[in-house]
Amino acid sequence: RCRIRIEGPRCRDTLSKLFALDLRASAWPVGDLRLTGHHHVPCAALRLDLDRFDLLVFSTYAFDQLGTMLDAAQEYGVALELSSV
């Protein structure tokens, strides 16, 4: 699997465009994992902080999932940072 981290003040707005998840802190506590998907692509989402999430996707779908995420976040002034960790 590949990890895609999304964080920042508008990350929940971005995620709400792609996933049918209740992103309120009362419904999804920090440290909890949710299984979800987008366009029939399975994804595990881990809440790391109020405005920080890790998305774990199969490697074969990671590039497309990242592209979709960037498109969804474009209106919020997204910045892409690459990490090998």
N, C-alpha and C. Protein backbone atom coordinates (compact mmCIF):
# COMPACT_ATOMS: atom_id res chain seq x y z
N ARG A 1 0.83 -1.19 0.00
CA ARG A 1 0.00 0.00 0.00
C ARG A 1 0.87 1.24 0.00
N CYS A 2 0.28 2.33 -0.45
CA CYS A 2 0.93 3.64 -0.42
C CYS A 2 0.16 4.56 0.52
N ARG A 3 0.90 5.44 1.15
CA ARG A 3 0.28 6.40 2.06
C ARG A 3 0.21 7.76 1.38
N ILE A 4 -0.96 8.36 1.43
CA ILE A 4 -1.16 9.73 0.98
C ILE A 4 -1.60 10.51 2.21
N ARG A 5 -0.81 11.49 2.61
CA ARG A 5 -1.16 12.31 3.78
C ARG A 5 -1.79 13.60 3.29
N ILE A 6 -2.89 13.95 3.91
CA ILE A 6 -3.55 15.22 3.62
C ILE A 6 -3.75 15.94 4.95
N GLU A 7 -3.35 17.21 4.97
CA GLU A 7 -3.47 17.97 6.21
C GLU A 7 -3.68 19.44 5.89
N GLY A 8 -4.18 20.16 6.87
CA GLY A 8 -4.40 21.58 6.72
C GLY A 8 -5.84 21.96 7.00
N PRO A 9 -6.10 23.26 7.05
CA PRO A 9 -7.42 23.73 7.46
C PRO A 9 -8.56 23.34 6.51
N ARG A 10 -8.26 23.01 5.27
CA ARG A 10 -9.33 22.64 4.32
C ARG A 10 -9.29 21.17 3.93
N CYS A 11 -8.51 20.38 4.63
CA CYS A 11 -8.40 18.97 4.24
C CYS A 11 -9.72 18.23 4.41
N ARG A 12 -10.50 18.57 5.43
CA ARG A 12 -11.79 17.90 5.61
C ARG A 12 -12.75 18.26 4.48
N ASP A 13 -12.68 19.49 3.99
CA ASP A 13 -13.50 19.88 2.84
C ASP A 13 -13.13 19.05 1.61
N THR A 14 -11.83 18.85 1.42
CA THR A 14 -11.35 18.05 0.29
C THR A 14 -11.82 16.60 0.43
N LEU A 15 -11.63 16.02 1.59
CA LEU A 15 -12.03 14.63 1.80
C LEU A 15 -13.53 14.44 1.63
N SER A 16 -14.31 15.43 2.05
CA SER A 16 -15.77 15.29 1.94
C SER A 16 -16.24 15.28 0.49
N LYS A 17 -15.43 15.78 -0.42
CA LYS A 17 -15.77 15.71 -1.84
C LYS A 17 -15.61 14.30 -2.40
N LEU A 18 -14.78 13.50 -1.76
CA LEU A 18 -14.40 12.20 -2.32
C LEU A 18 -14.96 11.00 -1.57
N PHE A 19 -15.15 11.13 -0.27
CA PHE A 19 -15.51 9.98 0.54
C PHE A 19 -16.78 10.25 1.34
N ALA A 20 -17.61 9.23 1.47
CA ALA A 20 -18.83 9.32 2.28
C ALA A 20 -18.48 9.00 3.73
N LEU A 21 -17.84 9.95 4.40
CA LEU A 21 -17.40 9.78 5.78
C LEU A 21 -17.89 10.95 6.62
N ASP A 22 -18.23 10.66 7.87
CA ASP A 22 -18.57 11.72 8.82
C ASP A 22 -17.25 12.21 9.41
N LEU A 23 -16.83 13.39 9.02
CA LEU A 23 -15.52 13.93 9.38
C LEU A 23 -15.52 14.75 10.67
N ARG A 24 -16.67 14.83 11.34
CA ARG A 24 -16.71 15.57 12.60
C ARG A 24 -15.86 14.86 13.64
N ALA A 25 -15.19 15.63 14.48
CA ALA A 25 -14.31 15.05 15.51
C ALA A 25 -15.09 14.16 16.47
N SER A 26 -16.35 14.49 16.72
CA SER A 26 -17.16 13.67 17.63
C SER A 26 -17.52 12.32 17.03
N ALA A 27 -17.55 12.22 15.71
CA ALA A 27 -17.89 10.97 15.04
C ALA A 27 -16.67 10.15 14.66
N TRP A 28 -15.53 10.81 14.54
CA TRP A 28 -14.30 10.12 14.12
C TRP A 28 -13.14 10.63 14.97
N PRO A 29 -12.88 9.99 16.10
CA PRO A 29 -11.81 10.44 16.99
C PRO A 29 -10.42 10.26 16.39
N VAL A 30 -9.49 11.06 16.86
CA VAL A 30 -8.09 10.94 16.45
C VAL A 30 -7.60 9.54 16.80
N GLY A 31 -6.88 8.93 15.86
CA GLY A 31 -6.35 7.58 16.04
C GLY A 31 -7.22 6.48 15.49
N ASP A 32 -8.46 6.80 15.10
CA ASP A 32 -9.37 5.80 14.55
C ASP A 32 -9.18 5.65 13.04
N LEU A 33 -9.46 4.45 12.58
CA LEU A 33 -9.33 4.09 11.16
C LEU A 33 -10.72 3.88 10.58
N ARG A 34 -10.94 4.32 9.36
CA ARG A 34 -12.19 4.09 8.65
C ARG A 34 -11.87 3.43 7.31
N LEU A 35 -12.67 2.44 6.95
CA LEU A 35 -12.55 1.81 5.64
C LEU A 35 -13.56 2.46 4.73
N THR A 36 -13.10 2.90 3.57
CA THR A 36 -13.96 3.61 2.64
C THR A 36 -13.48 3.32 1.22
N GLY A 37 -13.92 4.09 0.28
CA GLY A 37 -13.50 3.93 -1.10
C GLY A 37 -13.96 5.09 -1.95
N HIS A 38 -13.39 5.17 -3.12
CA HIS A 38 -13.73 6.22 -4.08
C HIS A 38 -13.69 5.60 -5.47
N HIS A 39 -14.81 5.65 -6.18
CA HIS A 39 -14.91 5.03 -7.50
C HIS A 39 -14.47 3.56 -7.47
N HIS A 40 -14.98 2.83 -6.50
CA HIS A 40 -14.72 1.39 -6.34
C HIS A 40 -13.26 1.07 -6.02
N VAL A 41 -12.51 2.05 -5.57
CA VAL A 41 -11.12 1.83 -5.15
C VAL A 41 -11.11 1.83 -3.62
N PRO A 42 -10.76 0.71 -3.00
CA PRO A 42 -10.76 0.66 -1.53
C PRO A 42 -9.66 1.54 -0.94
N CYS A 43 -9.95 2.05 0.23
CA CYS A 43 -9.04 2.97 0.90
C CYS A 43 -9.25 2.85 2.41
N ALA A 44 -8.16 2.89 3.15
CA ALA A 44 -8.23 2.97 4.61
C ALA A 44 -7.80 4.38 4.98
N ALA A 45 -8.59 5.04 5.81
CA ALA A 45 -8.31 6.42 6.21
C ALA A 45 -8.08 6.46 7.72
N LEU A 46 -6.94 7.00 8.11
CA LEU A 46 -6.56 7.10 9.51
C LEU A 46 -6.52 8.57 9.91
N ARG A 47 -7.27 8.90 10.96
CA ARG A 47 -7.25 10.29 11.44
C ARG A 47 -6.09 10.45 12.42
N LEU A 48 -5.14 11.30 12.06
CA LEU A 48 -3.95 11.54 12.89
C LEU A 48 -4.11 12.74 13.81
N ASP A 49 -4.94 13.68 13.42
CA ASP A 49 -5.19 14.90 14.19
C ASP A 49 -6.48 15.49 13.64
N LEU A 50 -6.93 16.59 14.20
CA LEU A 50 -8.18 17.18 13.74
C LEU A 50 -8.15 17.45 12.24
N ASP A 51 -7.04 17.97 11.74
CA ASP A 51 -6.91 18.32 10.32
C ASP A 51 -5.72 17.61 9.68
N ARG A 52 -5.54 16.33 9.99
CA ARG A 52 -4.47 15.54 9.37
C ARG A 52 -4.94 14.09 9.24
N PHE A 53 -4.83 13.56 8.02
CA PHE A 53 -5.28 12.21 7.73
C PHE A 53 -4.25 11.49 6.87
N ASP A 54 -4.13 10.19 7.06
CA ASP A 54 -3.38 9.32 6.16
C ASP A 54 -4.36 8.45 5.42
N LEU A 55 -4.22 8.41 4.10
CA LEU A 55 -5.02 7.53 3.26
C LEU A 55 -4.11 6.42 2.77
N LEU A 56 -4.51 5.20 2.99
CA LEU A 56 -3.73 4.04 2.58
C LEU A 56 -4.45 3.37 1.42
N VAL A 57 -3.80 3.40 0.26
CA VAL A 57 -4.41 2.85 -0.96
C VAL A 57 -3.46 1.83 -1.57
N PHE A 58 -4.02 0.91 -2.34
CA PHE A 58 -3.17 -0.05 -3.03
C PHE A 58 -2.24 0.69 -3.98
N SER A 59 -1.02 0.22 -4.09
CA SER A 59 0.00 0.88 -4.90
C SER A 59 -0.45 1.08 -6.35
N THR A 60 -1.19 0.13 -6.88
CA THR A 60 -1.61 0.23 -8.28
C THR A 60 -2.59 1.38 -8.52
N TYR A 61 -3.24 1.86 -7.46
CA TYR A 61 -4.21 2.95 -7.59
C TYR A 61 -3.68 4.27 -7.02
N ALA A 62 -2.51 4.26 -6.44
CA ALA A 62 -2.02 5.43 -5.69
C ALA A 62 -1.89 6.68 -6.57
N PHE A 63 -1.33 6.54 -7.76
CA PHE A 63 -1.13 7.70 -8.63
C PHE A 63 -2.47 8.34 -9.00
N ASP A 64 -3.44 7.52 -9.38
CA ASP A 64 -4.76 8.05 -9.74
C ASP A 64 -5.47 8.66 -8.54
N GLN A 65 -5.34 8.02 -7.39
CA GLN A 65 -5.98 8.54 -6.18
C GLN A 65 -5.36 9.89 -5.79
N LEU A 66 -4.05 10.00 -5.91
CA LEU A 66 -3.38 11.27 -5.62
C LEU A 66 -3.84 12.35 -6.59
N GLY A 67 -3.94 12.02 -7.86
CA GLY A 67 -4.42 12.98 -8.85
C GLY A 67 -5.83 13.46 -8.55
N THR A 68 -6.69 12.55 -8.16
CA THR A 68 -8.06 12.91 -7.79
C THR A 68 -8.08 13.82 -6.57
N MET A 69 -7.23 13.50 -5.60
CA MET A 69 -7.13 14.31 -4.39
C MET A 69 -6.64 15.73 -4.72
N LEU A 70 -5.65 15.84 -5.58
CA LEU A 70 -5.13 17.15 -5.97
C LEU A 70 -6.19 17.96 -6.71
N ASP A 71 -6.95 17.31 -7.57
CA ASP A 71 -8.04 18.00 -8.27
C ASP A 71 -9.08 18.52 -7.29
N ALA A 72 -9.44 17.69 -6.31
CA ALA A 72 -10.45 18.08 -5.33
C ALA A 72 -9.97 19.22 -4.44
N ALA A 73 -8.67 19.31 -4.21
CA ALA A 73 -8.11 20.33 -3.31
C ALA A 73 -7.65 21.59 -4.04
N GLN A 74 -7.72 21.59 -5.35
CA GLN A 74 -7.17 22.70 -6.13
C GLN A 74 -7.75 24.05 -5.72
N GLU A 75 -9.03 24.12 -5.48
CA GLU A 75 -9.65 25.40 -5.14
C GLU A 75 -9.18 25.95 -3.78
N TYR A 76 -8.54 25.10 -2.98
CA TYR A 76 -8.07 25.52 -1.66
C TYR A 76 -6.58 25.86 -1.66
N GLY A 77 -5.95 25.87 -2.82
CA GLY A 77 -4.53 26.22 -2.90
C GLY A 77 -3.63 25.12 -2.40
N VAL A 78 -3.84 23.92 -2.89
CA VAL A 78 -3.09 22.74 -2.44
C VAL A 78 -1.60 22.88 -2.72
N ALA A 79 -0.80 22.29 -1.85
CA ALA A 79 0.65 22.20 -2.05
C ALA A 79 1.04 20.74 -1.93
N LEU A 80 1.79 20.23 -2.89
CA LEU A 80 2.21 18.84 -2.90
C LEU A 80 3.62 18.74 -2.34
N GLU A 81 3.80 17.88 -1.34
CA GLU A 81 5.12 17.61 -0.78
C GLU A 81 5.38 16.12 -0.88
N LEU A 82 6.51 15.75 -1.44
CA LEU A 82 6.86 14.34 -1.60
C LEU A 82 7.71 13.88 -0.44
N SER A 83 7.47 12.65 -0.01
CA SER A 83 8.23 12.07 1.09
C SER A 83 8.43 10.59 0.81
N SER A 84 9.60 10.09 1.13
CA SER A 84 9.86 8.67 0.93
C SER A 84 9.64 7.88 2.22
N VAL A 85 9.24 8.54 3.27
CA VAL A 85 9.03 7.88 4.57
C VAL A 85 7.60 7.45 4.70
